[in-house]
Amino acid sequence: MPAVDSPPVAGSAAPATTHPVGEQTTRLVADIAEDAGTLLTQHANLFQAEMREGLKAARWWALAAACGMVALLLGALFTSIAAVHGLQRATGWDEWACWLTVGGSLLVLGCILAAVGAKYLVGMSLIPNRTIKSLSETWSWLVKRSK
């Protein structure tokens, strides 16, 4: 005897139906999320590359400045000792006056060099401007696409 379809009983669950539109929406949202994840990964990689580039440049300038400071200190030490003795022989001044003259001159020179070095180090930008601009464009694209 063939089975007869009976009408659904009140309170029973309706048969499950698939909605192609719902699947497309789910797939579209998943694609957007995947694209957003890829873009964020690319932004993170760009940020790291820019930071490495900036720090590499700063590292070389800092190394050059440190080597220069060591050479300057040693040179200043030996030159100041020689200058004090030479100034005392040439002028006949007391030894303390010669030390004061040479030390004051080195102090002024050191201040000038430190100010110039600080000016260039402060002028260096370590902010990843390209990453920030690209991230801003991506964010506005995501906001427009999600509406």
N, C-alpha and C. Protein backbone atom coordinates (compact mmCIF):
# COMPACT_ATOMS: atom_id res chain seq x y z
N MET A 1 0.85 -1.16 0.00
CA MET A 1 0.00 0.00 0.00
C MET A 1 0.90 1.23 0.00
N PRO A 2 0.63 2.18 -0.90
CA PRO A 2 1.47 3.37 -0.99
C PRO A 2 1.24 4.30 0.19
N ALA A 3 2.37 5.00 0.53
CA ALA A 3 2.30 5.95 1.65
C ALA A 3 1.56 7.19 1.21
N VAL A 4 0.73 7.69 2.09
CA VAL A 4 -0.05 8.88 1.79
C VAL A 4 0.54 10.03 2.59
N ASP A 5 0.76 11.14 1.89
CA ASP A 5 1.25 12.33 2.59
C ASP A 5 0.12 12.91 3.40
N SER A 6 0.40 13.10 4.66
CA SER A 6 -0.60 13.71 5.51
C SER A 6 -0.21 15.16 5.77
N PRO A 7 -1.17 16.01 6.01
CA PRO A 7 -0.86 17.42 6.27
C PRO A 7 -0.09 17.53 7.57
N PRO A 8 0.76 18.55 7.69
CA PRO A 8 1.55 18.70 8.92
C PRO A 8 0.65 18.92 10.12
N VAL A 9 1.05 18.32 11.22
CA VAL A 9 0.31 18.43 12.46
C VAL A 9 0.71 19.74 13.13
N ALA A 10 -0.23 20.41 13.76
CA ALA A 10 0.07 21.69 14.42
C ALA A 10 1.11 21.47 15.50
N GLY A 11 2.13 22.33 15.54
CA GLY A 11 3.18 22.24 16.54
C GLY A 11 4.36 21.42 16.07
N SER A 12 4.24 20.68 14.95
CA SER A 12 5.38 19.90 14.48
C SER A 12 6.28 20.80 13.62
N ALA A 13 7.55 20.38 13.52
CA ALA A 13 8.51 21.19 12.76
C ALA A 13 8.26 21.05 11.28
N ALA A 14 8.42 22.18 10.58
CA ALA A 14 8.26 22.17 9.14
C ALA A 14 9.50 21.54 8.51
N PRO A 15 9.36 20.92 7.36
CA PRO A 15 10.53 20.32 6.72
C PRO A 15 11.56 21.41 6.40
N ALA A 16 12.85 21.06 6.57
CA ALA A 16 13.94 22.02 6.34
C ALA A 16 14.08 22.29 4.85
N THR A 17 14.15 23.56 4.52
CA THR A 17 14.35 23.94 3.12
C THR A 17 15.61 24.80 3.04
N THR A 18 16.29 24.69 1.94
CA THR A 18 17.50 25.50 1.75
C THR A 18 17.13 26.75 0.99
N HIS A 19 17.77 27.83 1.39
CA HIS A 19 17.53 29.11 0.74
C HIS A 19 18.78 29.49 -0.02
N PRO A 20 18.74 29.43 -1.34
CA PRO A 20 19.93 29.78 -2.11
C PRO A 20 20.39 31.21 -1.82
N VAL A 21 19.47 32.11 -1.55
CA VAL A 21 19.85 33.49 -1.26
C VAL A 21 20.60 33.55 0.07
N GLY A 22 20.18 32.80 1.05
CA GLY A 22 20.86 32.76 2.35
C GLY A 22 22.27 32.20 2.22
N GLU A 23 22.43 31.16 1.39
CA GLU A 23 23.75 30.59 1.19
C GLU A 23 24.68 31.59 0.49
N GLN A 24 24.14 32.30 -0.48
CA GLN A 24 24.95 33.30 -1.19
C GLN A 24 25.37 34.42 -0.25
N THR A 25 24.47 34.83 0.62
CA THR A 25 24.79 35.89 1.58
C THR A 25 25.87 35.42 2.54
N THR A 26 25.73 34.18 3.02
CA THR A 26 26.72 33.62 3.93
C THR A 26 28.08 33.52 3.24
N ARG A 27 28.08 33.07 2.00
CA ARG A 27 29.33 32.95 1.24
C ARG A 27 29.94 34.33 1.01
N LEU A 28 29.11 35.33 0.71
CA LEU A 28 29.59 36.69 0.48
C LEU A 28 30.21 37.26 1.76
N VAL A 29 29.56 37.06 2.89
CA VAL A 29 30.09 37.54 4.18
C VAL A 29 31.41 36.84 4.50
N ALA A 30 31.47 35.52 4.23
CA ALA A 30 32.71 34.77 4.47
C ALA A 30 33.83 35.28 3.58
N ASP A 31 33.52 35.59 2.32
CA ASP A 31 34.55 36.13 1.41
C ASP A 31 35.04 37.50 1.87
N ILE A 32 34.12 38.33 2.32
CA ILE A 32 34.49 39.65 2.82
C ILE A 32 35.38 39.51 4.04
N ALA A 33 35.02 38.62 4.94
CA ALA A 33 35.83 38.40 6.15
C ALA A 33 37.21 37.88 5.78
N GLU A 34 37.29 36.98 4.81
CA GLU A 34 38.58 36.44 4.37
C GLU A 34 39.43 37.55 3.73
N ASP A 35 38.80 38.37 2.88
CA ASP A 35 39.51 39.50 2.26
C ASP A 35 40.00 40.48 3.31
N ALA A 36 39.17 40.75 4.29
CA ALA A 36 39.57 41.68 5.36
C ALA A 36 40.75 41.11 6.13
N GLY A 37 40.72 39.81 6.42
CA GLY A 37 41.84 39.18 7.11
C GLY A 37 43.12 39.24 6.30
N THR A 38 43.01 39.00 5.00
CA THR A 38 44.18 39.09 4.12
C THR A 38 44.72 40.51 4.10
N LEU A 39 43.83 41.48 3.99
CA LEU A 39 44.28 42.88 3.97
C LEU A 39 44.95 43.27 5.28
N LEU A 40 44.39 42.83 6.39
CA LEU A 40 45.00 43.16 7.68
C LEU A 40 46.37 42.51 7.81
N THR A 41 46.52 41.29 7.32
CA THR A 41 47.83 40.63 7.34
C THR A 41 48.83 41.40 6.48
N GLN A 42 48.38 41.83 5.30
CA GLN A 42 49.26 42.61 4.42
C GLN A 42 49.64 43.94 5.07
N HIS A 43 48.71 44.58 5.75
CA HIS A 43 49.02 45.83 6.44
C HIS A 43 50.03 45.60 7.56
N ALA A 44 49.87 44.51 8.28
CA ALA A 44 50.82 44.21 9.35
C ALA A 44 52.21 43.97 8.77
N ASN A 45 52.29 43.26 7.64
CA ASN A 45 53.58 43.04 7.00
C ASN A 45 54.20 44.35 6.51
N LEU A 46 53.38 45.23 5.94
CA LEU A 46 53.87 46.53 5.48
C LEU A 46 54.34 47.37 6.65
N PHE A 47 53.60 47.33 7.73
CA PHE A 47 53.99 48.08 8.94
C PHE A 47 55.34 47.59 9.45
N GLN A 48 55.52 46.27 9.52
CA GLN A 48 56.79 45.72 9.98
C GLN A 48 57.93 46.12 9.06
N ALA A 49 57.70 46.07 7.76
CA ALA A 49 58.76 46.44 6.81
C ALA A 49 59.15 47.91 6.95
N GLU A 50 58.16 48.77 7.12
CA GLU A 50 58.46 50.20 7.28
C GLU A 50 59.20 50.46 8.58
N MET A 51 58.79 49.78 9.65
CA MET A 51 59.47 49.97 10.93
C MET A 51 60.91 49.48 10.86
N ARG A 52 61.12 48.32 10.21
CA ARG A 52 62.48 47.82 10.05
C ARG A 52 63.34 48.79 9.25
N GLU A 53 62.76 49.35 8.20
CA GLU A 53 63.48 50.31 7.35
C GLU A 53 63.88 51.54 8.16
N GLY A 54 62.95 52.08 8.92
CA GLY A 54 63.24 53.26 9.73
C GLY A 54 64.24 52.98 10.82
N LEU A 55 64.09 51.83 11.49
CA LEU A 55 65.02 51.48 12.56
C LEU A 55 66.41 51.17 12.02
N LYS A 56 66.47 50.60 10.82
CA LYS A 56 67.77 50.32 10.21
C LYS A 56 68.52 51.61 9.95
N ALA A 57 67.82 52.61 9.42
CA ALA A 57 68.45 53.91 9.18
C ALA A 57 68.86 54.56 10.50
N ALA A 58 68.00 54.49 11.49
CA ALA A 58 68.31 55.09 12.79
C ALA A 58 69.47 54.35 13.46
N ARG A 59 69.52 53.03 13.28
CA ARG A 59 70.60 52.25 13.88
C ARG A 59 71.95 52.68 13.34
N TRP A 60 72.05 52.87 12.02
CA TRP A 60 73.33 53.29 11.43
C TRP A 60 73.72 54.68 11.89
N TRP A 61 72.76 55.58 11.98
CA TRP A 61 73.07 56.94 12.46
C TRP A 61 73.49 56.90 13.92
N ALA A 62 72.83 56.09 14.72
CA ALA A 62 73.20 55.99 16.13
C ALA A 62 74.58 55.36 16.29
N LEU A 63 74.89 54.35 15.49
CA LEU A 63 76.21 53.73 15.55
C LEU A 63 77.29 54.72 15.14
N ALA A 64 77.04 55.47 14.08
CA ALA A 64 78.00 56.48 13.65
C ALA A 64 78.19 57.55 14.72
N ALA A 65 77.10 57.95 15.34
CA ALA A 65 77.19 58.96 16.40
C ALA A 65 77.96 58.42 17.60
N ALA A 66 77.72 57.16 17.97
CA ALA A 66 78.43 56.57 19.11
C ALA A 66 79.92 56.45 18.84
N CYS A 67 80.29 55.98 17.66
CA CYS A 67 81.71 55.89 17.30
C CYS A 67 82.34 57.27 17.27
N GLY A 68 81.62 58.22 16.74
CA GLY A 68 82.12 59.59 16.71
C GLY A 68 82.32 60.15 18.11
N MET A 69 81.41 59.81 19.01
CA MET A 69 81.54 60.30 20.39
C MET A 69 82.75 59.70 21.09
N VAL A 70 83.01 58.41 20.87
CA VAL A 70 84.19 57.78 21.48
C VAL A 70 85.46 58.43 20.96
N ALA A 71 85.55 58.59 19.63
CA ALA A 71 86.73 59.23 19.04
C ALA A 71 86.86 60.67 19.52
N LEU A 72 85.74 61.35 19.62
CA LEU A 72 85.76 62.74 20.08
C LEU A 72 86.24 62.83 21.52
N LEU A 73 85.78 61.94 22.36
CA LEU A 73 86.20 61.96 23.76
C LEU A 73 87.69 61.69 23.91
N LEU A 74 88.18 60.68 23.20
CA LEU A 74 89.61 60.38 23.28
C LEU A 74 90.46 61.51 22.71
N GLY A 75 90.03 62.02 21.57
CA GLY A 75 90.75 63.14 20.96
C GLY A 75 90.72 64.37 21.84
N ALA A 76 89.56 64.63 22.41
CA ALA A 76 89.44 65.80 23.29
C ALA A 76 90.31 65.65 24.53
N LEU A 77 90.39 64.45 25.07
CA LEU A 77 91.20 64.20 26.25
C LEU A 77 92.68 64.51 25.98
N PHE A 78 93.22 63.89 24.93
CA PHE A 78 94.63 64.10 24.64
C PHE A 78 94.93 65.53 24.17
N THR A 79 94.02 66.08 23.38
CA THR A 79 94.23 67.44 22.91
C THR A 79 94.13 68.45 24.04
N SER A 80 93.22 68.22 24.95
CA SER A 80 93.08 69.17 26.06
C SER A 80 94.29 69.13 26.99
N ILE A 81 94.84 67.95 27.21
CA ILE A 81 96.05 67.87 28.04
C ILE A 81 97.20 68.61 27.36
N ALA A 82 97.34 68.36 26.05
CA ALA A 82 98.41 69.05 25.32
C ALA A 82 98.15 70.55 25.25
N ALA A 83 96.89 70.94 25.08
CA ALA A 83 96.57 72.37 24.99
C ALA A 83 96.83 73.08 26.31
N VAL A 84 96.51 72.44 27.40
CA VAL A 84 96.76 73.05 28.70
C VAL A 84 98.25 73.32 28.89
N HIS A 85 99.07 72.32 28.60
CA HIS A 85 100.51 72.50 28.77
C HIS A 85 101.08 73.53 27.79
N GLY A 86 100.57 73.48 26.55
CA GLY A 86 101.04 74.46 25.56
C GLY A 86 100.60 75.87 25.93
N LEU A 87 99.40 76.04 26.41
CA LEU A 87 98.89 77.36 26.80
C LEU A 87 99.67 77.90 28.00
N GLN A 88 99.99 77.04 28.92
CA GLN A 88 100.75 77.47 30.10
C GLN A 88 102.15 77.93 29.71
N ARG A 89 102.81 77.19 28.82
CA ARG A 89 104.15 77.59 28.38
C ARG A 89 104.10 78.87 27.57
N ALA A 90 103.07 79.01 26.72
CA ALA A 90 103.00 80.18 25.84
C ALA A 90 102.62 81.45 26.59
N THR A 91 101.75 81.35 27.59
CA THR A 91 101.25 82.55 28.27
C THR A 91 101.82 82.76 29.65
N GLY A 92 102.29 81.70 30.27
CA GLY A 92 102.79 81.83 31.63
C GLY A 92 101.67 81.90 32.66
N TRP A 93 100.44 81.61 32.27
CA TRP A 93 99.31 81.63 33.19
C TRP A 93 99.45 80.51 34.21
N ASP A 94 98.67 80.62 35.28
CA ASP A 94 98.61 79.53 36.25
C ASP A 94 97.96 78.31 35.58
N GLU A 95 98.28 77.15 36.10
CA GLU A 95 97.78 75.91 35.50
C GLU A 95 96.25 75.84 35.53
N TRP A 96 95.61 76.27 36.62
CA TRP A 96 94.16 76.21 36.71
C TRP A 96 93.49 77.07 35.65
N ALA A 97 94.06 78.23 35.31
CA ALA A 97 93.49 79.11 34.28
C ALA A 97 93.58 78.45 32.90
N CYS A 98 94.65 77.75 32.67
CA CYS A 98 94.80 77.04 31.39
C CYS A 98 93.78 75.91 31.27
N TRP A 99 93.61 75.15 32.37
CA TRP A 99 92.62 74.08 32.37
C TRP A 99 91.21 74.65 32.18
N LEU A 100 90.91 75.74 32.80
CA LEU A 100 89.60 76.38 32.67
C LEU A 100 89.35 76.84 31.24
N THR A 101 90.34 77.43 30.61
CA THR A 101 90.20 77.91 29.23
C THR A 101 89.96 76.76 28.27
N VAL A 102 90.77 75.72 28.39
CA VAL A 102 90.62 74.57 27.49
C VAL A 102 89.30 73.84 27.76
N GLY A 103 88.98 73.62 29.03
CA GLY A 103 87.72 72.93 29.37
C GLY A 103 86.50 73.70 28.92
N GLY A 104 86.50 75.02 29.08
CA GLY A 104 85.37 75.84 28.64
C GLY A 104 85.19 75.80 27.13
N SER A 105 86.30 75.81 26.41
CA SER A 105 86.22 75.73 24.94
C SER A 105 85.62 74.40 24.50
N LEU A 106 86.06 73.31 25.14
CA LEU A 106 85.51 72.00 24.80
C LEU A 106 84.03 71.89 25.17
N LEU A 107 83.65 72.52 26.26
CA LEU A 107 82.25 72.52 26.67
C LEU A 107 81.36 73.20 25.62
N VAL A 108 81.80 74.34 25.13
CA VAL A 108 81.04 75.06 24.10
C VAL A 108 80.96 74.22 22.83
N LEU A 109 82.09 73.65 22.40
CA LEU A 109 82.10 72.81 21.20
C LEU A 109 81.18 71.60 21.37
N GLY A 110 81.22 70.96 22.53
CA GLY A 110 80.36 69.80 22.79
C GLY A 110 78.89 70.14 22.74
N CYS A 111 78.53 71.30 23.28
CA CYS A 111 77.12 71.73 23.25
C CYS A 111 76.65 71.95 21.82
N ILE A 112 77.49 72.56 21.01
CA ILE A 112 77.12 72.80 19.60
C ILE A 112 76.93 71.48 18.87
N LEU A 113 77.87 70.55 19.03
CA LEU A 113 77.77 69.26 18.35
C LEU A 113 76.56 68.45 18.83
N ALA A 114 76.30 68.48 20.12
CA ALA A 114 75.14 67.75 20.66
C ALA A 114 73.83 68.33 20.13
N ALA A 115 73.76 69.65 20.01
CA ALA A 115 72.54 70.29 19.50
C ALA A 115 72.31 69.93 18.04
N VAL A 116 73.37 69.92 17.24
CA VAL A 116 73.23 69.57 15.82
C VAL A 116 72.81 68.11 15.68
N GLY A 117 73.43 67.20 16.44
CA GLY A 117 73.06 65.78 16.38
C GLY A 117 71.64 65.53 16.82
N ALA A 118 71.22 66.20 17.88
CA ALA A 118 69.85 66.04 18.38
C ALA A 118 68.84 66.55 17.36
N LYS A 119 69.18 67.63 16.67
CA LYS A 119 68.28 68.19 15.66
C LYS A 119 68.01 67.17 14.56
N TYR A 120 69.05 66.48 14.09
CA TYR A 120 68.86 65.50 13.03
C TYR A 120 68.16 64.24 13.53
N LEU A 121 68.44 63.81 14.74
CA LEU A 121 67.77 62.62 15.26
C LEU A 121 66.29 62.89 15.52
N VAL A 122 65.96 64.07 16.00
CA VAL A 122 64.56 64.42 16.25
C VAL A 122 63.81 64.55 14.93
N GLY A 123 64.50 64.99 13.88
CA GLY A 123 63.86 65.17 12.57
C GLY A 123 63.53 63.87 11.87
N MET A 124 64.08 62.74 12.34
CA MET A 124 63.79 61.46 11.70
C MET A 124 62.38 61.02 12.06
N SER A 125 61.68 60.52 11.07
CA SER A 125 60.31 60.05 11.29
C SER A 125 60.29 58.53 11.28
N LEU A 126 59.79 57.92 12.36
CA LEU A 126 59.65 56.47 12.43
C LEU A 126 58.20 56.04 12.29
N ILE A 127 57.34 57.00 11.95
CA ILE A 127 55.91 56.69 11.78
C ILE A 127 55.70 56.10 10.39
N PRO A 128 55.07 54.93 10.29
CA PRO A 128 54.86 54.29 8.99
C PRO A 128 53.71 54.95 8.22
N ASN A 129 53.98 56.05 7.55
CA ASN A 129 52.93 56.82 6.88
C ASN A 129 52.24 56.04 5.78
N ARG A 130 52.99 55.24 5.01
CA ARG A 130 52.37 54.48 3.93
C ARG A 130 51.38 53.46 4.48
N THR A 131 51.73 52.81 5.57
CA THR A 131 50.83 51.83 6.18
C THR A 131 49.57 52.50 6.70
N ILE A 132 49.72 53.62 7.35
CA ILE A 132 48.56 54.34 7.89
C ILE A 132 47.62 54.77 6.77
N LYS A 133 48.19 55.28 5.67
CA LYS A 133 47.36 55.71 4.54
C LYS A 133 46.64 54.53 3.92
N SER A 134 47.36 53.43 3.71
CA SER A 134 46.76 52.25 3.11
C SER A 134 45.69 51.65 4.01
N LEU A 135 45.95 51.62 5.32
CA LEU A 135 44.97 51.09 6.27
C LEU A 135 43.71 51.96 6.28
N SER A 136 43.88 53.26 6.17
CA SER A 136 42.74 54.16 6.12
C SER A 136 41.88 53.90 4.87
N GLU A 137 42.55 53.70 3.73
CA GLU A 137 41.82 53.41 2.49
C GLU A 137 41.09 52.07 2.60
N THR A 138 41.75 51.09 3.18
CA THR A 138 41.13 49.77 3.33
C THR A 138 39.93 49.85 4.26
N TRP A 139 40.06 50.58 5.33
CA TRP A 139 38.95 50.71 6.28
C TRP A 139 37.74 51.33 5.61
N SER A 140 37.95 52.42 4.85
CA SER A 140 36.81 53.05 4.19
C SER A 140 36.21 52.12 3.13
N TRP A 141 37.04 51.32 2.46
CA TRP A 141 36.54 50.34 1.48
C TRP A 141 35.68 49.29 2.18
N LEU A 142 36.16 48.79 3.33
CA LEU A 142 35.40 47.78 4.06
C LEU A 142 34.06 48.33 4.55
N VAL A 143 34.06 49.58 5.03
CA VAL A 143 32.83 50.19 5.52
C VAL A 143 31.82 50.34 4.37
N LYS A 144 32.30 50.80 3.20
CA LYS A 144 31.40 50.94 2.06
C LYS A 144 30.87 49.60 1.59
N ARG A 145 31.73 48.59 1.59
CA ARG A 145 31.33 47.27 1.08
C ARG A 145 30.36 46.57 2.04
N SER A 146 30.46 46.85 3.32
CA SER A 146 29.60 46.17 4.27
C SER A 146 28.21 46.77 4.33
N LYS A 147 28.00 47.93 3.74
CA LYS A 147 26.66 48.58 3.77
C LYS A 147 25.75 47.99 2.74
